[in-house]
Amino acid sequence: MTILLDSVEKVKKFVDIAATFPCELDIKSGRYTVDAKSIMGIFSLDLKKPLTLVVFSPEYENKTDVFSEFEYKGE
């Protein structure tokens, strides 16, 4: 899923939701990968660009609709 976290409020809300997932989540930006549950890790990325959310559990891959408000639709 491609997401956009272009404000402090969005990052905080995203991390709060990600923290509820019992599986590992990563965010990728180019060659960098950070833990999606780490607010500090997310702030180390270039938040002006779309990011890729990776879910490491087949059980939760289809349950990413809770992140739909952060989904990047393109411009």
PDB file of N, CA and C in Angstrom:
ATOM      1  N   MET A   1       0.848  -1.173   0.000  1.00  0.00           N
ATOM      2  CA  MET A   1       0.000   0.000   0.000  1.00  0.00           C
ATOM      3  C   MET A   1       0.892   1.235   0.000  1.00  0.00           C
ATOM      4  N   THR A   2       0.578   2.198  -0.832  1.00  0.00           N
ATOM      5  CA  THR A   2       1.321   3.453  -0.881  1.00  0.00           C
ATOM      6  C   THR A   2       0.597   4.492  -0.044  1.00  0.00           C
ATOM      7  N   ILE A   3       1.333   5.120   0.861  1.00  0.00           N
ATOM      8  CA  ILE A   3       0.735   6.082   1.790  1.00  0.00           C
ATOM      9  C   ILE A   3       1.481   7.413   1.703  1.00  0.00           C
ATOM     10  N   LEU A   4       0.853   8.450   2.254  1.00  0.00           N
ATOM     11  CA  LEU A   4       1.474   9.762   2.344  1.00  0.00           C
ATOM     12  C   LEU A   4       1.249  10.282   3.760  1.00  0.00           C
ATOM     13  N   LEU A   5       2.344  10.559   4.462  1.00  0.00           N
ATOM     14  CA  LEU A   5       2.292  11.078   5.834  1.00  0.00           C
ATOM     15  C   LEU A   5       2.939  12.454   5.832  1.00  0.00           C
ATOM     16  N   ASP A   6       2.219  13.434   5.312  1.00  0.00           N
ATOM     17  CA  ASP A   6       2.801  14.749   5.073  1.00  0.00           C
ATOM     18  C   ASP A   6       2.527  15.790   6.155  1.00  0.00           C
ATOM     19  N   SER A   7       2.165  15.336   7.359  1.00  0.00           N
ATOM     20  CA  SER A   7       2.008  16.266   8.476  1.00  0.00           C
ATOM     21  C   SER A   7       2.298  15.531   9.784  1.00  0.00           C
ATOM     22  N   VAL A   8       2.641  16.288  10.799  1.00  0.00           N
ATOM     23  CA  VAL A   8       2.936  15.714  12.113  1.00  0.00           C
ATOM     24  C   VAL A   8       1.710  14.970  12.642  1.00  0.00           C
ATOM     25  N   GLU A   9       0.532  15.551  12.448  1.00  0.00           N
ATOM     26  CA  GLU A   9      -0.704  14.932  12.937  1.00  0.00           C
ATOM     27  C   GLU A   9      -0.943  13.583  12.269  1.00  0.00           C
ATOM     28  N   LYS A  10      -0.699  13.514  10.959  1.00  0.00           N
ATOM     29  CA  LYS A  10      -0.883  12.255  10.243  1.00  0.00           C
ATOM     30  C   LYS A  10       0.084  11.186  10.746  1.00  0.00           C
ATOM     31  N   VAL A  11       1.329  11.579  10.994  1.00  0.00           N
ATOM     32  CA  VAL A  11       2.320  10.613  11.485  1.00  0.00           C
ATOM     33  C   VAL A  11       1.890  10.076  12.846  1.00  0.00           C
ATOM     34  N   LYS A  12       1.482  10.965  13.735  1.00  0.00           N
ATOM     35  CA  LYS A  12       1.051  10.536  15.075  1.00  0.00           C
ATOM     36  C   LYS A  12      -0.139   9.582  14.988  1.00  0.00           C
ATOM     37  N   LYS A  13      -1.136   9.931  14.191  1.00  0.00           N
ATOM     38  CA  LYS A  13      -2.322   9.087  14.053  1.00  0.00           C
ATOM     39  C   LYS A  13      -1.962   7.746  13.417  1.00  0.00           C
ATOM     40  N   PHE A  14      -1.103   7.776  12.400  1.00  0.00           N
ATOM     41  CA  PHE A  14      -0.667   6.541  11.747  1.00  0.00           C
ATOM     42  C   PHE A  14       0.019   5.614  12.739  1.00  0.00           C
ATOM     43  N   VAL A  15       0.947   6.142  13.536  1.00  0.00           N
ATOM     44  CA  VAL A  15       1.680   5.323  14.503  1.00  0.00           C
ATOM     45  C   VAL A  15       0.728   4.750  15.559  1.00  0.00           C
ATOM     46  N   ASP A  16      -0.248   5.533  15.984  1.00  0.00           N
ATOM     47  CA  ASP A  16      -1.238   5.034  16.952  1.00  0.00           C
ATOM     48  C   ASP A  16      -1.994   3.833  16.380  1.00  0.00           C
ATOM     49  N   ILE A  17      -2.383   3.903  15.119  1.00  0.00           N
ATOM     50  CA  ILE A  17      -3.097   2.794  14.481  1.00  0.00           C
ATOM     51  C   ILE A  17      -2.153   1.613  14.267  1.00  0.00           C
ATOM     52  N   ALA A  18      -0.943   1.882  13.791  1.00  0.00           N
ATOM     53  CA  ALA A  18       0.032   0.814  13.538  1.00  0.00           C
ATOM     54  C   ALA A  18       0.359   0.048  14.815  1.00  0.00           C
ATOM     55  N   ALA A  19       0.391   0.739  15.936  1.00  0.00           N
ATOM     56  CA  ALA A  19       0.710   0.106  17.220  1.00  0.00           C
ATOM     57  C   ALA A  19      -0.324  -0.942  17.624  1.00  0.00           C
ATOM     58  N   THR A  20      -1.518  -0.876  17.055  1.00  0.00           N
ATOM     59  CA  THR A  20      -2.558  -1.851  17.398  1.00  0.00           C
ATOM     60  C   THR A  20      -2.399  -3.171  16.633  1.00  0.00           C
ATOM     61  N   PHE A  21      -1.565  -3.179  15.598  1.00  0.00           N
ATOM     62  CA  PHE A  21      -1.353  -4.400  14.814  1.00  0.00           C
ATOM     63  C   PHE A  21      -0.407  -5.332  15.558  1.00  0.00           C
ATOM     64  N   PRO A  22      -0.774  -6.607  15.703  1.00  0.00           N
ATOM     65  CA  PRO A  22       0.076  -7.550  16.420  1.00  0.00           C
ATOM     66  C   PRO A  22       1.229  -8.103  15.575  1.00  0.00           C
ATOM     67  N   CYS A  23       1.319  -7.656  14.331  1.00  0.00           N
ATOM     68  CA  CYS A  23       2.387  -8.133  13.448  1.00  0.00           C
ATOM     69  C   CYS A  23       3.348  -6.986  13.138  1.00  0.00           C
ATOM     70  N   GLU A  24       4.433  -7.326  12.463  1.00  0.00           N
ATOM     71  CA  GLU A  24       5.411  -6.310  12.083  1.00  0.00           C
ATOM     72  C   GLU A  24       4.940  -5.537  10.863  1.00  0.00           C
ATOM     73  N   LEU A  25       5.197  -4.238  10.891  1.00  0.00           N
ATOM     74  CA  LEU A  25       4.887  -3.340   9.779  1.00  0.00           C
ATOM     75  C   LEU A  25       6.130  -2.516   9.502  1.00  0.00           C
ATOM     76  N   ASP A  26       6.459  -2.337   8.246  1.00  0.00           N
ATOM     77  CA  ASP A  26       7.576  -1.485   7.864  1.00  0.00           C
ATOM     78  C   ASP A  26       7.092  -0.416   6.905  1.00  0.00           C
ATOM     79  N   ILE A  27       7.850   0.658   6.833  1.00  0.00           N
ATOM     80  CA  ILE A  27       7.630   1.686   5.840  1.00  0.00           C
ATOM     81  C   ILE A  27       8.926   1.807   5.042  1.00  0.00           C
ATOM     82  N   LYS A  28       8.771   1.791   3.723  1.00  0.00           N
ATOM     83  CA  LYS A  28       9.928   1.912   2.837  1.00  0.00           C
ATOM     84  C   LYS A  28       9.854   3.231   2.080  1.00  0.00           C
ATOM     85  N   SER A  29      11.019   3.840   1.964  1.00  0.00           N
ATOM     86  CA  SER A  29      11.170   5.058   1.175  1.00  0.00           C
ATOM     87  C   SER A  29      12.494   4.935   0.449  1.00  0.00           C
ATOM     88  N   GLY A  30      12.422   4.645  -0.838  1.00  0.00           N
ATOM     89  CA  GLY A  30      13.653   4.412  -1.593  1.00  0.00           C
ATOM     90  C   GLY A  30      14.397   3.218  -1.029  1.00  0.00           C
ATOM     91  N   ARG A  31      15.639   3.414  -0.653  1.00  0.00           N
ATOM     92  CA  ARG A  31      16.432   2.308  -0.103  1.00  0.00           C
ATOM     93  C   ARG A  31      16.341   2.199   1.415  1.00  0.00           C
ATOM     94  N   TYR A  32      15.585   3.086   2.044  1.00  0.00           N
ATOM     95  CA  TYR A  32      15.461   3.093   3.499  1.00  0.00           C
ATOM     96  C   TYR A  32      14.197   2.368   3.945  1.00  0.00           C
ATOM     97  N   THR A  33      14.320   1.616   5.034  1.00  0.00           N
ATOM     98  CA  THR A  33      13.185   0.911   5.627  1.00  0.00           C
ATOM     99  C   THR A  33      13.196   1.177   7.126  1.00  0.00           C
ATOM    100  N   VAL A  34      12.022   1.544   7.665  1.00  0.00           N
ATOM    101  CA  VAL A  34      11.906   1.783   9.109  1.00  0.00           C
ATOM    102  C   VAL A  34      10.691   1.031   9.654  1.00  0.00           C
ATOM    103  N   ASP A  35      10.699   0.819  10.941  1.00  0.00           N
ATOM    104  CA  ASP A  35       9.571   0.203  11.637  1.00  0.00           C
ATOM    105  C   ASP A  35       8.398   1.182  11.598  1.00  0.00           C
ATOM    106  N   ALA A  36       7.261   0.738  11.089  1.00  0.00           N
ATOM    107  CA  ALA A  36       6.090   1.612  10.957  1.00  0.00           C
ATOM    108  C   ALA A  36       5.491   1.994  12.310  1.00  0.00           C
ATOM    109  N   LYS A  37       5.930   1.355  13.377  1.00  0.00           N
ATOM    110  CA  LYS A  37       5.429   1.671  14.713  1.00  0.00           C
ATOM    111  C   LYS A  37       6.352   2.655  15.430  1.00  0.00           C
ATOM    112  N   SER A  38       7.419   3.084  14.752  1.00  0.00           N
ATOM    113  CA  SER A  38       8.411   3.981  15.341  1.00  0.00           C
ATOM    114  C   SER A  38       8.229   5.402  14.809  1.00  0.00           C
ATOM    115  N   ILE A  39       7.762   6.282  15.667  1.00  0.00           N
ATOM    116  CA  ILE A  39       7.547   7.662  15.253  1.00  0.00           C
ATOM    117  C   ILE A  39       8.878   8.316  14.871  1.00  0.00           C
ATOM    118  N   MET A  40       9.938   8.013  15.602  1.00  0.00           N
ATOM    119  CA  MET A  40      11.253   8.576  15.291  1.00  0.00           C
ATOM    120  C   MET A  40      11.762   8.050  13.958  1.00  0.00           C
ATOM    121  N   GLY A  41      11.537   6.767  13.700  1.00  0.00           N
ATOM    122  CA  GLY A  41      11.948   6.190  12.428  1.00  0.00           C
ATOM    123  C   GLY A  41      11.236   6.846  11.259  1.00  0.00           C
ATOM    124  N   ILE A  42       9.942   7.055  11.398  1.00  0.00           N
ATOM    125  CA  ILE A  42       9.157   7.675  10.329  1.00  0.00           C
ATOM    126  C   ILE A  42       9.634   9.106  10.078  1.00  0.00           C
ATOM    127  N   PHE A  43       9.922   9.848  11.145  1.00  0.00           N
ATOM    128  CA  PHE A  43      10.381  11.221  10.971  1.00  0.00           C
ATOM    129  C   PHE A  43      11.775  11.303  10.346  1.00  0.00           C
ATOM    130  N   SER A  44      12.487  10.182  10.283  1.00  0.00           N
ATOM    131  CA  SER A  44      13.804  10.192   9.635  1.00  0.00           C
ATOM    132  C   SER A  44      13.686  10.079   8.113  1.00  0.00           C
ATOM    133  N   LEU A  45      12.473   9.825   7.614  1.00  0.00           N
ATOM    134  CA  LEU A  45      12.247   9.686   6.174  1.00  0.00           C
ATOM    135  C   LEU A  45      11.839  11.019   5.547  1.00  0.00           C
ATOM    136  N   ASP A  46      11.909  11.074   4.227  1.00  0.00           N
ATOM    137  CA  ASP A  46      11.440  12.248   3.491  1.00  0.00           C
ATOM    138  C   ASP A  46       9.921  12.140   3.370  1.00  0.00           C
ATOM    139  N   LEU A  47       9.212  12.878   4.188  1.00  0.00           N
ATOM    140  CA  LEU A  47       7.751  12.757   4.255  1.00  0.00           C
ATOM    141  C   LEU A  47       7.024  13.553   3.176  1.00  0.00           C
ATOM    142  N   LYS A  48       7.768  14.194   2.303  1.00  0.00           N
ATOM    143  CA  LYS A  48       7.141  14.892   1.180  1.00  0.00           C
ATOM    144  C   LYS A  48       6.806  13.921   0.057  1.00  0.00           C
ATOM    145  N   LYS A  49       7.403  12.730   0.112  1.00  0.00           N
ATOM    146  CA  LYS A  49       7.216  11.730  -0.938  1.00  0.00           C
ATOM    147  C   LYS A  49       6.324  10.595  -0.436  1.00  0.00           C
ATOM    148  N   PRO A  50       5.642   9.921  -1.367  1.00  0.00           N
ATOM    149  CA  PRO A  50       4.848   8.749  -0.976  1.00  0.00           C
ATOM    150  C   PRO A  50       5.755   7.658  -0.401  1.00  0.00           C
ATOM    151  N   LEU A  51       5.196   6.882   0.512  1.00  0.00           N
ATOM    152  CA  LEU A  51       5.907   5.807   1.198  1.00  0.00           C
ATOM    153  C   LEU A  51       5.189   4.490   0.940  1.00  0.00           C
ATOM    154  N   THR A  52       5.897   3.382   1.111  1.00  0.00           N
ATOM    155  CA  THR A  52       5.293   2.072   0.924  1.00  0.00           C
ATOM    156  C   THR A  52       5.142   1.394   2.274  1.00  0.00           C
ATOM    157  N   LEU A  53       3.916   0.996   2.608  1.00  0.00           N
ATOM    158  CA  LEU A  53       3.637   0.252   3.834  1.00  0.00           C
ATOM    159  C   LEU A  53       3.714  -1.231   3.529  1.00  0.00           C
ATOM    160  N   VAL A  54       4.504  -1.967   4.329  1.00  0.00           N
ATOM    161  CA  VAL A  54       4.673  -3.407   4.141  1.00  0.00           C
ATOM    162  C   VAL A  54       4.178  -4.115   5.399  1.00  0.00           C
ATOM    163  N   VAL A  55       3.277  -5.090   5.213  1.00  0.00           N
ATOM    164  CA  VAL A  55       2.718  -5.873   6.316  1.00  0.00           C
ATOM    165  C   VAL A  55       3.342  -7.265   6.257  1.00  0.00           C
ATOM    166  N   PHE A  56       3.918  -7.715   7.368  1.00  0.00           N
ATOM    167  CA  PHE A  56       4.617  -8.998   7.405  1.00  0.00           C
ATOM    168  C   PHE A  56       3.781 -10.118   8.003  1.00  0.00           C
ATOM    169  N   SER A  57       2.526 -10.189   7.622  1.00  0.00           N
ATOM    170  CA  SER A  57       1.666 -11.264   8.102  1.00  0.00           C
ATOM    171  C   SER A  57       0.544 -11.477   7.090  1.00  0.00           C
ATOM    172  N   PRO A  58       0.468 -12.665   6.500  1.00  0.00           N
ATOM    173  CA  PRO A  58      -0.614 -12.923   5.546  1.00  0.00           C
ATOM    174  C   PRO A  58      -1.994 -12.710   6.170  1.00  0.00           C
ATOM    175  N   GLU A  59      -2.077 -12.940   7.460  1.00  0.00           N
ATOM    176  CA  GLU A  59      -3.340 -12.790   8.185  1.00  0.00           C
ATOM    177  C   GLU A  59      -3.816 -11.332   8.205  1.00  0.00           C
ATOM    178  N   TYR A  60      -2.880 -10.385   8.168  1.00  0.00           N
ATOM    179  CA  TYR A  60      -3.242  -8.970   8.270  1.00  0.00           C
ATOM    180  C   TYR A  60      -3.031  -8.184   6.984  1.00  0.00           C
ATOM    181  N   GLU A  61      -2.525  -8.824   5.928  1.00  0.00           N
ATOM    182  CA  GLU A  61      -2.292  -8.127   4.664  1.00  0.00           C
ATOM    183  C   GLU A  61      -3.552  -7.472   4.110  1.00  0.00           C
ATOM    184  N   ASN A  62      -4.686  -8.108   4.293  1.00  0.00           N
ATOM    185  CA  ASN A  62      -5.947  -7.584   3.759  1.00  0.00           C
ATOM    186  C   ASN A  62      -6.706  -6.717   4.762  1.00  0.00           C
ATOM    187  N   LYS A  63      -6.088  -6.414   5.885  1.00  0.00           N
ATOM    188  CA  LYS A  63      -6.753  -5.613   6.908  1.00  0.00           C
ATOM    189  C   LYS A  63      -6.152  -4.214   6.999  1.00  0.00           C
ATOM    190  N   THR A  64      -5.618  -3.746   5.888  1.00  0.00           N
ATOM    191  CA  THR A  64      -4.985  -2.424   5.875  1.00  0.00           C
ATOM    192  C   THR A  64      -5.990  -1.301   5.620  1.00  0.00           C
ATOM    193  N   ASP A  65      -7.276  -1.626   5.555  1.00  0.00           N
ATOM    194  CA  ASP A  65      -8.283  -0.585   5.326  1.00  0.00           C
ATOM    195  C   ASP A  65      -8.296   0.457   6.441  1.00  0.00           C
ATOM    196  N   VAL A  66      -7.783   0.115   7.618  1.00  0.00           N
ATOM    197  CA  VAL A  66      -7.706   1.094   8.708  1.00  0.00           C
ATOM    198  C   VAL A  66      -6.719   2.216   8.389  1.00  0.00           C
ATOM    199  N   PHE A  67      -5.876   1.991   7.385  1.00  0.00           N
ATOM    200  CA  PHE A  67      -4.920   3.004   6.956  1.00  0.00           C
ATOM    201  C   PHE A  67      -5.402   3.767   5.715  1.00  0.00           C
ATOM    202  N   SER A  68      -6.644   3.565   5.309  1.00  0.00           N
ATOM    203  CA  SER A  68      -7.145   4.149   4.057  1.00  0.00           C
ATOM    204  C   SER A  68      -7.064   5.675   4.022  1.00  0.00           C
ATOM    205  N   GLU A  69      -7.172   6.330   5.160  1.00  0.00           N
ATOM    206  CA  GLU A  69      -7.092   7.800   5.159  1.00  0.00           C
ATOM    207  C   GLU A  69      -5.689   8.302   4.823  1.00  0.00           C
ATOM    208  N   PHE A  70      -4.683   7.423   4.889  1.00  0.00           N
ATOM    209  CA  PHE A  70      -3.310   7.809   4.579  1.00  0.00           C
ATOM    210  C   PHE A  70      -2.896   7.355   3.170  1.00  0.00           C
ATOM    211  N   GLU A  71      -3.789   6.667   2.496  1.00  0.00           N
ATOM    212  CA  GLU A  71      -3.468   6.112   1.182  1.00  0.00           C
ATOM    213  C   GLU A  71      -3.168   7.222   0.184  1.00  0.00           C
ATOM    214  N   TYR A  72      -2.105   7.017  -0.575  1.00  0.00           N
ATOM    215  CA  TYR A  72      -1.687   7.985  -1.578  1.00  0.00           C
ATOM    216  C   TYR A  72      -2.414   7.681  -2.882  1.00  0.00           C
ATOM    217  N   LYS A  73      -3.156   8.646  -3.374  1.00  0.00           N
ATOM    218  CA  LYS A  73      -3.962   8.456  -4.585  1.00  0.00           C
ATOM    219  C   LYS A  73      -3.259   8.981  -5.827  1.00  0.00           C
ATOM    220  N   GLY A  74      -2.123   9.625  -5.664  1.00  0.00           N
ATOM    221  CA  GLY A  74      -1.429  10.226  -6.800  1.00  0.00           C
ATOM    222  C   GLY A  74      -1.931  11.636  -7.029  1.00  0.00           C
ATOM    223  N   GLU A  75      -1.200  12.363  -7.828  1.00  0.00           N
ATOM    224  CA  GLU A  75      -1.594  13.754  -8.065  1.00  0.00           C
ATOM    225  C   GLU A  75      -1.890  13.987  -9.519  1.00  0.00           C
TER     226      GLU A  75
END
